Amino acid sequence: DWYERKSIIITSNLEFSQWNRIFGDARLTAALVDRVIHHAHILNFTGDSYRVTHALSKH
């Protein structure tokens, strides 16, 4: 129902090529990624994690 009608935000530490490890089926994963990235704005953040950096500095 939401495809091309609603907005959704998905965050992941995995590259799309590694999503098959989660879903376990290559065809299902390819279909899911295809639909997720269609009309998508993909933001790729690199560098150290803000949360990890600050969590480690508290110890």
PDB file of N, CA and C in Angstrom:
ATOM      1  N   ASP A   1       0.809  -1.212   0.000  1.00  0.00           N
ATOM      2  CA  ASP A   1       0.000   0.000   0.000  1.00  0.00           C
ATOM      3  C   ASP A   1       0.852   1.276   0.000  1.00  0.00           C
ATOM      4  N   TRP A   2       1.983   1.241   0.674  1.00  0.00           N
ATOM      5  CA  TRP A   2       2.763   2.470   0.802  1.00  0.00           C
ATOM      6  C   TRP A   2       3.676   2.724  -0.376  1.00  0.00           C
ATOM      7  N   TYR A   3       3.899   1.736  -1.231  1.00  0.00           N
ATOM      8  CA  TYR A   3       4.837   1.891  -2.336  1.00  0.00           C
ATOM      9  C   TYR A   3       4.434   3.067  -3.226  1.00  0.00           C
ATOM     10  N   GLU A   4       5.307   4.016  -3.355  1.00  0.00           N
ATOM     11  CA  GLU A   4       5.131   5.248  -4.120  1.00  0.00           C
ATOM     12  C   GLU A   4       4.027   6.150  -3.573  1.00  0.00           C
ATOM     13  N   ARG A   5       3.623   5.967  -2.332  1.00  0.00           N
ATOM     14  CA  ARG A   5       2.586   6.806  -1.739  1.00  0.00           C
ATOM     15  C   ARG A   5       3.025   7.437  -0.420  1.00  0.00           C
ATOM     16  N   LYS A   6       3.924   6.795   0.287  1.00  0.00           N
ATOM     17  CA  LYS A   6       4.343   7.266   1.606  1.00  0.00           C
ATOM     18  C   LYS A   6       5.865   7.377   1.646  1.00  0.00           C
ATOM     19  N   SER A   7       6.357   8.076   2.636  1.00  0.00           N
ATOM     20  CA  SER A   7       7.801   8.179   2.858  1.00  0.00           C
ATOM     21  C   SER A   7       8.224   7.165   3.903  1.00  0.00           C
ATOM     22  N   ILE A   8       9.440   6.696   3.763  1.00  0.00           N
ATOM     23  CA  ILE A   8       9.982   5.751   4.727  1.00  0.00           C
ATOM     24  C   ILE A   8      11.478   6.011   4.867  1.00  0.00           C
ATOM     25  N   ILE A   9      11.982   5.866   6.075  1.00  0.00           N
ATOM     26  CA  ILE A   9      13.411   5.996   6.336  1.00  0.00           C
ATOM     27  C   ILE A   9      13.907   4.647   6.826  1.00  0.00           C
ATOM     28  N   ILE A  10      14.951   4.169   6.191  1.00  0.00           N
ATOM     29  CA  ILE A  10      15.579   2.909   6.586  1.00  0.00           C
ATOM     30  C   ILE A  10      17.039   3.200   6.877  1.00  0.00           C
ATOM     31  N   THR A  11      17.517   2.777   8.016  1.00  0.00           N
ATOM     32  CA  THR A  11      18.932   2.929   8.333  1.00  0.00           C
ATOM     33  C   THR A  11      19.556   1.556   8.477  1.00  0.00           C
ATOM     34  N   SER A  12      20.784   1.451   8.033  1.00  0.00           N
ATOM     35  CA  SER A  12      21.479   0.176   8.106  1.00  0.00           C
ATOM     36  C   SER A  12      22.973   0.409   8.076  1.00  0.00           C
ATOM     37  N   ASN A  13      23.689  -0.441   8.778  1.00  0.00           N
ATOM     38  CA  ASN A  13      25.143  -0.417   8.715  1.00  0.00           C
ATOM     39  C   ASN A  13      25.655  -1.323   7.601  1.00  0.00           C
ATOM     40  N   LEU A  14      24.740  -2.002   6.926  1.00  0.00           N
ATOM     41  CA  LEU A  14      25.121  -2.929   5.867  1.00  0.00           C
ATOM     42  C   LEU A  14      24.929  -2.301   4.499  1.00  0.00           C
ATOM     43  N   GLU A  15      25.828  -2.622   3.582  1.00  0.00           N
ATOM     44  CA  GLU A  15      25.642  -2.232   2.191  1.00  0.00           C
ATOM     45  C   GLU A  15      24.521  -3.084   1.614  1.00  0.00           C
ATOM     46  N   PHE A  16      23.885  -2.602   0.543  1.00  0.00           N
ATOM     47  CA  PHE A  16      22.808  -3.372  -0.080  1.00  0.00           C
ATOM     48  C   PHE A  16      23.271  -4.776  -0.457  1.00  0.00           C
ATOM     49  N   SER A  17      24.505  -4.902  -0.885  1.00  0.00           N
ATOM     50  CA  SER A  17      25.014  -6.213  -1.296  1.00  0.00           C
ATOM     51  C   SER A  17      25.059  -7.211  -0.142  1.00  0.00           C
ATOM     52  N   GLN A  18      24.986  -6.734   1.080  1.00  0.00           N
ATOM     53  CA  GLN A  18      25.025  -7.607   2.252  1.00  0.00           C
ATOM     54  C   GLN A  18      23.637  -7.882   2.841  1.00  0.00           C
ATOM     55  N   TRP A  19      22.600  -7.268   2.297  1.00  0.00           N
ATOM     56  CA  TRP A  19      21.251  -7.461   2.825  1.00  0.00           C
ATOM     57  C   TRP A  19      20.772  -8.902   2.679  1.00  0.00           C
ATOM     58  N   ASN A  20      21.327  -9.622   1.732  1.00  0.00           N
ATOM     59  CA  ASN A  20      20.935 -11.019   1.558  1.00  0.00           C
ATOM     60  C   ASN A  20      21.231 -11.833   2.813  1.00  0.00           C
ATOM     61  N   ARG A  21      22.222 -11.438   3.596  1.00  0.00           N
ATOM     62  CA  ARG A  21      22.522 -12.126   4.867  1.00  0.00           C
ATOM     63  C   ARG A  21      21.339 -12.020   5.827  1.00  0.00           C
ATOM     64  N   ILE A  22      20.600 -10.937   5.750  1.00  0.00           N
ATOM     65  CA  ILE A  22      19.463 -10.717   6.645  1.00  0.00           C
ATOM     66  C   ILE A  22      18.220 -11.443   6.131  1.00  0.00           C
ATOM     67  N   PHE A  23      17.916 -11.278   4.848  1.00  0.00           N
ATOM     68  CA  PHE A  23      16.680 -11.817   4.292  1.00  0.00           C
ATOM     69  C   PHE A  23      16.818 -13.246   3.792  1.00  0.00           C
ATOM     70  N   GLY A  24      18.052 -13.687   3.518  1.00  0.00           N
ATOM     71  CA  GLY A  24      18.307 -15.082   3.216  1.00  0.00           C
ATOM     72  C   GLY A  24      17.912 -15.580   1.839  1.00  0.00           C
ATOM     73  N   ASP A  25      17.266 -14.768   1.049  1.00  0.00           N
ATOM     74  CA  ASP A  25      16.841 -15.193  -0.277  1.00  0.00           C
ATOM     75  C   ASP A  25      17.256 -14.116  -1.269  1.00  0.00           C
ATOM     76  N   ALA A  26      18.081 -14.480  -2.230  1.00  0.00           N
ATOM     77  CA  ALA A  26      18.641 -13.502  -3.172  1.00  0.00           C
ATOM     78  C   ALA A  26      17.555 -12.803  -3.985  1.00  0.00           C
ATOM     79  N   ARG A  27      16.550 -13.542  -4.460  1.00  0.00           N
ATOM     80  CA  ARG A  27      15.490 -12.924  -5.279  1.00  0.00           C
ATOM     81  C   ARG A  27      14.625 -11.980  -4.451  1.00  0.00           C
ATOM     82  N   LEU A  28      14.284 -12.389  -3.245  1.00  0.00           N
ATOM     83  CA  LEU A  28      13.507 -11.527  -2.354  1.00  0.00           C
ATOM     84  C   LEU A  28      14.284 -10.259  -2.035  1.00  0.00           C
ATOM     85  N   THR A  29      15.559 -10.410  -1.728  1.00  0.00           N
ATOM     86  CA  THR A  29      16.388  -9.260  -1.386  1.00  0.00           C
ATOM     87  C   THR A  29      16.523  -8.316  -2.573  1.00  0.00           C
ATOM     88  N   ALA A  30      16.745  -8.853  -3.761  1.00  0.00           N
ATOM     89  CA  ALA A  30      16.861  -8.012  -4.958  1.00  0.00           C
ATOM     90  C   ALA A  30      15.573  -7.238  -5.202  1.00  0.00           C
ATOM     91  N   ALA A  31      14.433  -7.885  -5.042  1.00  0.00           N
ATOM     92  CA  ALA A  31      13.144  -7.213  -5.225  1.00  0.00           C
ATOM     93  C   ALA A  31      12.942  -6.125  -4.178  1.00  0.00           C
ATOM     94  N   LEU A  32      13.292  -6.416  -2.948  1.00  0.00           N
ATOM     95  CA  LEU A  32      13.147  -5.440  -1.871  1.00  0.00           C
ATOM     96  C   LEU A  32      14.042  -4.232  -2.108  1.00  0.00           C
ATOM     97  N   VAL A  33      15.305  -4.464  -2.418  1.00  0.00           N
ATOM     98  CA  VAL A  33      16.232  -3.358  -2.667  1.00  0.00           C
ATOM     99  C   VAL A  33      15.773  -2.544  -3.873  1.00  0.00           C
ATOM    100  N   ASP A  34      15.316  -3.209  -4.918  1.00  0.00           N
ATOM    101  CA  ASP A  34      14.827  -2.514  -6.100  1.00  0.00           C
ATOM    102  C   ASP A  34      13.701  -1.555  -5.746  1.00  0.00           C
ATOM    103  N   ARG A  35      12.772  -1.993  -4.944  1.00  0.00           N
ATOM    104  CA  ARG A  35      11.640  -1.139  -4.560  1.00  0.00           C
ATOM    105  C   ARG A  35      12.050  -0.048  -3.585  1.00  0.00           C
ATOM    106  N   VAL A  36      12.965  -0.356  -2.700  1.00  0.00           N
ATOM    107  CA  VAL A  36      13.407   0.641  -1.719  1.00  0.00           C
ATOM    108  C   VAL A  36      14.175   1.772  -2.395  1.00  0.00           C
ATOM    109  N   ILE A  37      15.033   1.458  -3.350  1.00  0.00           N
ATOM    110  CA  ILE A  37      15.866   2.507  -3.939  1.00  0.00           C
ATOM    111  C   ILE A  37      15.205   3.237  -5.111  1.00  0.00           C
ATOM    112  N   HIS A  38      14.067   2.729  -5.590  1.00  0.00           N
ATOM    113  CA  HIS A  38      13.348   3.416  -6.655  1.00  0.00           C
ATOM    114  C   HIS A  38      12.821   4.738  -6.117  1.00  0.00           C
ATOM    115  N   HIS A  39      13.168   5.835  -6.715  1.00  0.00           N
ATOM    116  CA  HIS A  39      12.809   7.190  -6.264  1.00  0.00           C
ATOM    117  C   HIS A  39      13.459   7.562  -4.934  1.00  0.00           C
ATOM    118  N   ALA A  40      14.509   6.869  -4.539  1.00  0.00           N
ATOM    119  CA  ALA A  40      15.110   7.097  -3.219  1.00  0.00           C
ATOM    120  C   ALA A  40      16.164   8.196  -3.238  1.00  0.00           C
ATOM    121  N   HIS A  41      16.358   8.754  -2.084  1.00  0.00           N
ATOM    122  CA  HIS A  41      17.499   9.624  -1.810  1.00  0.00           C
ATOM    123  C   HIS A  41      18.360   8.830  -0.845  1.00  0.00           C
ATOM    124  N   ILE A  42      19.520   8.409  -1.311  1.00  0.00           N
ATOM    125  CA  ILE A  42      20.399   7.581  -0.478  1.00  0.00           C
ATOM    126  C   ILE A  42      21.499   8.458   0.084  1.00  0.00           C
ATOM    127  N   LEU A  43      21.611   8.458   1.397  1.00  0.00           N
ATOM    128  CA  LEU A  43      22.658   9.211   2.084  1.00  0.00           C
ATOM    129  C   LEU A  43      23.666   8.207   2.632  1.00  0.00           C
ATOM    130  N   ASN A  44      24.903   8.395   2.271  1.00  0.00           N
ATOM    131  CA  ASN A  44      25.956   7.497   2.726  1.00  0.00           C
ATOM    132  C   ASN A  44      26.885   8.284   3.633  1.00  0.00           C
ATOM    133  N   PHE A  45      26.903   7.930   4.889  1.00  0.00           N
ATOM    134  CA  PHE A  45      27.752   8.601   5.855  1.00  0.00           C
ATOM    135  C   PHE A  45      29.003   7.765   6.085  1.00  0.00           C
ATOM    136  N   THR A  46      30.138   8.420   6.065  1.00  0.00           N
ATOM    137  CA  THR A  46      31.394   7.728   6.325  1.00  0.00           C
ATOM    138  C   THR A  46      32.053   8.362   7.538  1.00  0.00           C
ATOM    139  N   GLY A  47      33.019   7.679   8.077  1.00  0.00           N
ATOM    140  CA  GLY A  47      33.730   8.205   9.232  1.00  0.00           C
ATOM    141  C   GLY A  47      33.281   7.523  10.503  1.00  0.00           C
ATOM    142  N   ASP A  48      33.773   8.037  11.601  1.00  0.00           N
ATOM    143  CA  ASP A  48      33.471   7.450  12.906  1.00  0.00           C
ATOM    144  C   ASP A  48      32.038   7.749  13.329  1.00  0.00           C
ATOM    145  N   SER A  49      31.447   6.803  14.018  1.00  0.00           N
ATOM    146  CA  SER A  49      30.098   6.962  14.535  1.00  0.00           C
ATOM    147  C   SER A  49      30.102   7.942  15.708  1.00  0.00           C
ATOM    148  N   TYR A  50      29.221   8.911  15.662  1.00  0.00           N
ATOM    149  CA  TYR A  50      29.092   9.879  16.761  1.00  0.00           C
ATOM    150  C   TYR A  50      28.743   9.170  18.064  1.00  0.00           C
ATOM    151  N   ARG A  51      27.779   8.251  18.010  1.00  0.00           N
ATOM    152  CA  ARG A  51      27.357   7.548  19.230  1.00  0.00           C
ATOM    153  C   ARG A  51      28.474   6.696  19.800  1.00  0.00           C
ATOM    154  N   VAL A  52      29.175   5.962  18.956  1.00  0.00           N
ATOM    155  CA  VAL A  52      30.265   5.110  19.444  1.00  0.00           C
ATOM    156  C   VAL A  52      31.373   5.962  20.039  1.00  0.00           C
ATOM    157  N   THR A  53      31.746   7.030  19.346  1.00  0.00           N
ATOM    158  CA  THR A  53      32.812   7.911  19.834  1.00  0.00           C
ATOM    159  C   THR A  53      32.480   8.475  21.210  1.00  0.00           C
ATOM    160  N   HIS A  54      31.260   8.955  21.388  1.00  0.00           N
ATOM    161  CA  HIS A  54      30.881   9.541  22.671  1.00  0.00           C
ATOM    162  C   HIS A  54      30.641   8.493  23.749  1.00  0.00           C
ATOM    163  N   ALA A  55      30.200   7.328  23.378  1.00  0.00           N
ATOM    164  CA  ALA A  55      30.027   6.260  24.359  1.00  0.00           C
ATOM    165  C   ALA A  55      31.389   5.811  24.873  1.00  0.00           C
ATOM    166  N   LEU A  56      32.371   5.719  23.996  1.00  0.00           N
ATOM    167  CA  LEU A  56      33.703   5.289  24.409  1.00  0.00           C
ATOM    168  C   LEU A  56      34.398   6.361  25.251  1.00  0.00           C
ATOM    169  N   SER A  57      34.095   7.628  25.016  1.00  0.00           N
ATOM    170  CA  SER A  57      34.747   8.697  25.779  1.00  0.00           C
ATOM    171  C   SER A  57      34.224   8.792  27.199  1.00  0.00           C
ATOM    172  N   LYS A  58      33.091   8.175  27.490  1.00  0.00           N
ATOM    173  CA  LYS A  58      32.506   8.217  28.836  1.00  0.00           C
ATOM    174  C   LYS A  58      33.119   7.182  29.766  1.00  0.00           C
ATOM    175  N   HIS A  59      33.869   6.245  29.198  1.00  0.00           N
ATOM    176  CA  HIS A  59      34.455   5.180  30.030  1.00  0.00           C
ATOM    177  C   HIS A  59      35.852   5.509  30.446  1.00  0.00           C
TER     178      HIS A  59
END
